[in-house]
Amino acid sequence: MNDLQMKPENIPIRTDFDAHAHAMSLPIQDVVKELTELLGATNVAVIGGVTETRAVQQWTTDREPQRAHVLRFALQIATMIAAVADRDLARAWFHGSNPHLDDAVPLMMLRNLPLTDIQGKLMAAARIFAARPPGGPASS
């Protein structure tokens, strides 16, 4: 196996376990970079609890985000969703009112609530979404 095949970013995300392992194995700078690629700098700033995207850029180089654990969790969910859909749909999932979360918006939950209070609910909603990819048959 060559070096290209060994890099975590080249490992396909197939399950929530893969997404978890991927998000946990990366340095926080790479977590921020990947999350920014998937969701955009503005959304990463919201999740990270800051008002300026300049802070997000600093997190990719020399500053440690205060909410690194929340950013890792967001990357886990985003990669899980993007694996069955695409970036645009992953962004929409974070922005949309979610019936599995009592119509709350995941992005706002990540910004406003302690992760320990919402982690299970968000992961359950993401798993439900990932199990029923867009264009797939609706369950009864």
C-alpha atoms as a PDB file:
ATOM      1  CA  MET A   1       0.000   0.000   0.000  1.00  0.00           C
ATOM      2  CA  ASN A   2       1.464   3.402  -0.926  1.00  0.00           C
ATOM      3  CA  ASP A   3       1.455   6.564   1.224  1.00  0.00           C
ATOM      4  CA  LEU A   4      -1.499   8.057  -0.644  1.00  0.00           C
ATOM      5  CA  GLN A   5      -3.708   5.125   0.318  1.00  0.00           C
ATOM      6  CA  MET A   6      -2.698   5.356   3.978  1.00  0.00           C
ATOM      7  CA  LYS A   7      -3.749   8.986   4.574  1.00  0.00           C
ATOM      8  CA  PRO A   8      -6.964   9.385   6.603  1.00  0.00           C
ATOM      9  CA  GLU A   9      -8.487  11.802   4.102  1.00  0.00           C
ATOM     10  CA  ASN A  10      -8.358   9.043   1.480  1.00  0.00           C
ATOM     11  CA  ILE A  11     -10.255   6.530   3.601  1.00  0.00           C
ATOM     12  CA  PRO A  12     -13.880   6.385   2.483  1.00  0.00           C
ATOM     13  CA  ILE A  13     -16.413   7.164   5.175  1.00  0.00           C
ATOM     14  CA  ARG A  14     -18.936   4.307   5.191  1.00  0.00           C
ATOM     15  CA  THR A  15     -20.384   4.397   8.678  1.00  0.00           C
ATOM     16  CA  ASP A  16     -20.712   6.625  11.684  1.00  0.00           C
ATOM     17  CA  PHE A  17     -17.852   4.602  13.183  1.00  0.00           C
ATOM     18  CA  ASP A  18     -15.621   5.550  10.242  1.00  0.00           C
ATOM     19  CA  ALA A  19     -16.665   9.189  10.576  1.00  0.00           C
ATOM     20  CA  HIS A  20     -15.893   9.112  14.301  1.00  0.00           C
ATOM     21  CA  ALA A  21     -12.477   7.513  13.807  1.00  0.00           C
ATOM     22  CA  HIS A  22     -11.668  10.022  11.074  1.00  0.00           C
ATOM     23  CA  ALA A  23     -12.664  13.091  13.115  1.00  0.00           C
ATOM     24  CA  MET A  24     -10.850  11.877  16.231  1.00  0.00           C
ATOM     25  CA  SER A  25      -7.622  10.983  14.416  1.00  0.00           C
ATOM     26  CA  LEU A  26      -6.995  14.385  12.847  1.00  0.00           C
ATOM     27  CA  PRO A  27      -5.063  17.277  14.354  1.00  0.00           C
ATOM     28  CA  ILE A  28      -7.489  20.094  15.178  1.00  0.00           C
ATOM     29  CA  GLN A  29      -6.074  22.232  12.356  1.00  0.00           C
ATOM     30  CA  ASP A  30      -7.108  19.560   9.856  1.00  0.00           C
ATOM     31  CA  VAL A  31     -10.503  19.167  11.518  1.00  0.00           C
ATOM     32  CA  VAL A  32     -11.108  22.880  10.947  1.00  0.00           C
ATOM     33  CA  LYS A  33      -9.867  22.697   7.337  1.00  0.00           C
ATOM     34  CA  GLU A  34     -12.107  19.745   6.452  1.00  0.00           C
ATOM     35  CA  LEU A  35     -15.101  21.196   8.249  1.00  0.00           C
ATOM     36  CA  THR A  36     -14.577  24.486   6.402  1.00  0.00           C
ATOM     37  CA  GLU A  37     -14.460  22.629   3.075  1.00  0.00           C
ATOM     38  CA  LEU A  38     -17.712  20.850   3.914  1.00  0.00           C
ATOM     39  CA  LEU A  39     -19.716  23.592   5.626  1.00  0.00           C
ATOM     40  CA  GLY A  40     -17.980  26.882   4.843  1.00  0.00           C
ATOM     41  CA  ALA A  41     -16.062  29.244   7.122  1.00  0.00           C
ATOM     42  CA  THR A  42     -19.147  31.124   8.329  1.00  0.00           C
ATOM     43  CA  ASN A  43     -20.791  27.938   9.588  1.00  0.00           C
ATOM     44  CA  VAL A  44     -17.559  26.782  11.216  1.00  0.00           C
ATOM     45  CA  ALA A  45     -17.347  30.142  12.994  1.00  0.00           C
ATOM     46  CA  VAL A  46     -20.901  29.680  14.283  1.00  0.00           C
ATOM     47  CA  ILE A  47     -20.137  26.160  15.524  1.00  0.00           C
ATOM     48  CA  GLY A  48     -16.880  27.376  17.048  1.00  0.00           C
ATOM     49  CA  GLY A  49     -18.682  30.134  18.927  1.00  0.00           C
ATOM     50  CA  VAL A  50     -17.003  33.092  17.240  1.00  0.00           C
ATOM     51  CA  THR A  51     -18.365  35.934  15.139  1.00  0.00           C
ATOM     52  CA  GLU A  52     -15.573  36.322  12.587  1.00  0.00           C
ATOM     53  CA  THR A  53     -14.270  33.892   9.998  1.00  0.00           C
ATOM     54  CA  ARG A  54     -10.788  35.292  10.605  1.00  0.00           C
ATOM     55  CA  ALA A  55     -10.695  33.179  13.778  1.00  0.00           C
ATOM     56  CA  VAL A  56     -11.476  30.079  11.710  1.00  0.00           C
ATOM     57  CA  GLN A  57      -8.479  30.816   9.486  1.00  0.00           C
ATOM     58  CA  GLN A  58      -6.294  31.232  12.581  1.00  0.00           C
ATOM     59  CA  TRP A  59      -7.440  27.840  13.864  1.00  0.00           C
ATOM     60  CA  THR A  60      -5.954  26.227  10.749  1.00  0.00           C
ATOM     61  CA  THR A  61      -2.510  27.562  11.567  1.00  0.00           C
ATOM     62  CA  ASP A  62      -1.603  28.671  15.049  1.00  0.00           C
ATOM     63  CA  ARG A  63      -4.572  29.168  17.372  1.00  0.00           C
ATOM     64  CA  GLU A  64      -6.375  26.419  19.248  1.00  0.00           C
ATOM     65  CA  PRO A  65     -10.172  26.782  19.159  1.00  0.00           C
ATOM     66  CA  GLN A  66     -11.859  26.818  22.556  1.00  0.00           C
ATOM     67  CA  ARG A  67     -14.615  24.508  21.307  1.00  0.00           C
ATOM     68  CA  ALA A  68     -12.422  21.911  19.590  1.00  0.00           C
ATOM     69  CA  HIS A  69     -14.597  19.050  20.875  1.00  0.00           C
ATOM     70  CA  VAL A  70     -17.675  20.599  19.239  1.00  0.00           C
ATOM     71  CA  LEU A  71     -15.815  21.102  15.947  1.00  0.00           C
ATOM     72  CA  ARG A  72     -14.693  17.445  15.960  1.00  0.00           C
ATOM     73  CA  PHE A  73     -18.240  16.291  16.573  1.00  0.00           C
ATOM     74  CA  ALA A  74     -19.541  18.545  13.788  1.00  0.00           C
ATOM     75  CA  LEU A  75     -16.942  17.072  11.411  1.00  0.00           C
ATOM     76  CA  GLN A  76     -18.061  13.574  12.360  1.00  0.00           C
ATOM     77  CA  ILE A  77     -21.655  14.408  11.453  1.00  0.00           C
ATOM     78  CA  ALA A  78     -20.747  16.383   8.326  1.00  0.00           C
ATOM     79  CA  THR A  79     -18.571  13.607   6.891  1.00  0.00           C
ATOM     80  CA  MET A  80     -21.216  11.008   7.678  1.00  0.00           C
ATOM     81  CA  ILE A  81     -23.865  13.013   5.818  1.00  0.00           C
ATOM     82  CA  ALA A  82     -21.585  14.028   2.936  1.00  0.00           C
ATOM     83  CA  ALA A  83     -20.714  10.344   2.427  1.00  0.00           C
ATOM     84  CA  VAL A  84     -24.313   9.599   1.428  1.00  0.00           C
ATOM     85  CA  ALA A  85     -25.187  12.962  -0.100  1.00  0.00           C
ATOM     86  CA  ASP A  86     -22.926  15.903  -0.979  1.00  0.00           C
ATOM     87  CA  ARG A  87     -21.562  19.105   0.552  1.00  0.00           C
ATOM     88  CA  ASP A  88     -24.589  21.184  -0.343  1.00  0.00           C
ATOM     89  CA  LEU A  89     -26.923  18.725   1.316  1.00  0.00           C
ATOM     90  CA  ALA A  90     -24.650  18.468   4.355  1.00  0.00           C
ATOM     91  CA  ARG A  91     -24.805  22.259   4.700  1.00  0.00           C
ATOM     92  CA  ALA A  92     -28.567  22.177   4.274  1.00  0.00           C
ATOM     93  CA  TRP A  93     -28.847  19.512   6.992  1.00  0.00           C
ATOM     94  CA  PHE A  94     -27.015  21.761   9.452  1.00  0.00           C
ATOM     95  CA  HIS A  95     -29.189  24.780   8.517  1.00  0.00           C
ATOM     96  CA  GLY A  96     -32.560  23.112   8.250  1.00  0.00           C
ATOM     97  CA  SER A  97     -35.279  22.647  10.789  1.00  0.00           C
ATOM     98  CA  ASN A  98     -35.081  18.954  11.674  1.00  0.00           C
ATOM     99  CA  PRO A  99     -38.205  16.955  12.574  1.00  0.00           C
ATOM    100  CA  HIS A 100     -36.061  14.453  14.507  1.00  0.00           C
ATOM    101  CA  LEU A 101     -34.872  17.320  16.717  1.00  0.00           C
ATOM    102  CA  ASP A 102     -38.302  18.783  17.466  1.00  0.00           C
ATOM    103  CA  ASP A 103     -37.757  21.114  14.495  1.00  0.00           C
ATOM    104  CA  ALA A 104     -34.598  22.620  15.970  1.00  0.00           C
ATOM    105  CA  VAL A 105     -31.763  23.667  13.649  1.00  0.00           C
ATOM    106  CA  PRO A 106     -28.588  21.586  14.202  1.00  0.00           C
ATOM    107  CA  LEU A 107     -26.263  24.546  13.583  1.00  0.00           C
ATOM    108  CA  MET A 108     -27.981  26.606  16.272  1.00  0.00           C
ATOM    109  CA  MET A 109     -28.024  23.683  18.683  1.00  0.00           C
ATOM    110  CA  LEU A 110     -24.260  23.305  18.271  1.00  0.00           C
ATOM    111  CA  ARG A 111     -23.764  27.025  18.852  1.00  0.00           C
ATOM    112  CA  ASN A 112     -26.122  27.549  21.772  1.00  0.00           C
ATOM    113  CA  LEU A 113     -26.297  24.342  23.804  1.00  0.00           C
ATOM    114  CA  PRO A 114     -23.733  22.258  25.702  1.00  0.00           C
ATOM    115  CA  LEU A 115     -22.561  19.360  23.565  1.00  0.00           C
ATOM    116  CA  THR A 116     -23.224  16.903  26.379  1.00  0.00           C
ATOM    117  CA  ASP A 117     -26.912  17.855  26.254  1.00  0.00           C
ATOM    118  CA  ILE A 118     -27.355  17.461  22.484  1.00  0.00           C
ATOM    119  CA  GLN A 119     -24.747  15.009  21.230  1.00  0.00           C
ATOM    120  CA  GLY A 120     -26.962  11.921  21.329  1.00  0.00           C
ATOM    121  CA  LYS A 121     -29.926  13.683  19.728  1.00  0.00           C
ATOM    122  CA  LEU A 122     -27.836  15.172  16.916  1.00  0.00           C
ATOM    123  CA  MET A 123     -26.097  11.869  16.193  1.00  0.00           C
ATOM    124  CA  ALA A 124     -29.415  10.011  16.121  1.00  0.00           C
ATOM    125  CA  ALA A 125     -30.850  12.558  13.672  1.00  0.00           C
ATOM    126  CA  ALA A 126     -27.734  12.326  11.485  1.00  0.00           C
ATOM    127  CA  ARG A 127     -27.883   8.516  11.493  1.00  0.00           C
ATOM    128  CA  ILE A 128     -31.525   8.599  10.438  1.00  0.00           C
ATOM    129  CA  PHE A 129     -30.670  10.965   7.595  1.00  0.00           C
ATOM    130  CA  ALA A 130     -27.651   8.910   6.499  1.00  0.00           C
ATOM    131  CA  ALA A 131     -29.728   5.724   6.507  1.00  0.00           C
ATOM    132  CA  ARG A 132     -32.206   7.304   4.073  1.00  0.00           C
ATOM    133  CA  PRO A 133     -30.070   9.079   1.476  1.00  0.00           C
ATOM    134  CA  PRO A 134     -31.753  11.618  -0.814  1.00  0.00           C
ATOM    135  CA  GLY A 135     -33.541  10.012  -3.704  1.00  0.00           C
ATOM    136  CA  GLY A 136     -33.847   6.750  -1.809  1.00  0.00           C
ATOM    137  CA  PRO A 137     -37.158   5.173  -0.915  1.00  0.00           C
ATOM    138  CA  ALA A 138     -39.047   6.713   1.964  1.00  0.00           C
ATOM    139  CA  SER A 139     -39.715   4.460   4.885  1.00  0.00           C
ATOM    140  CA  SER A 140     -43.252   3.786   5.997  1.00  0.00           C
END
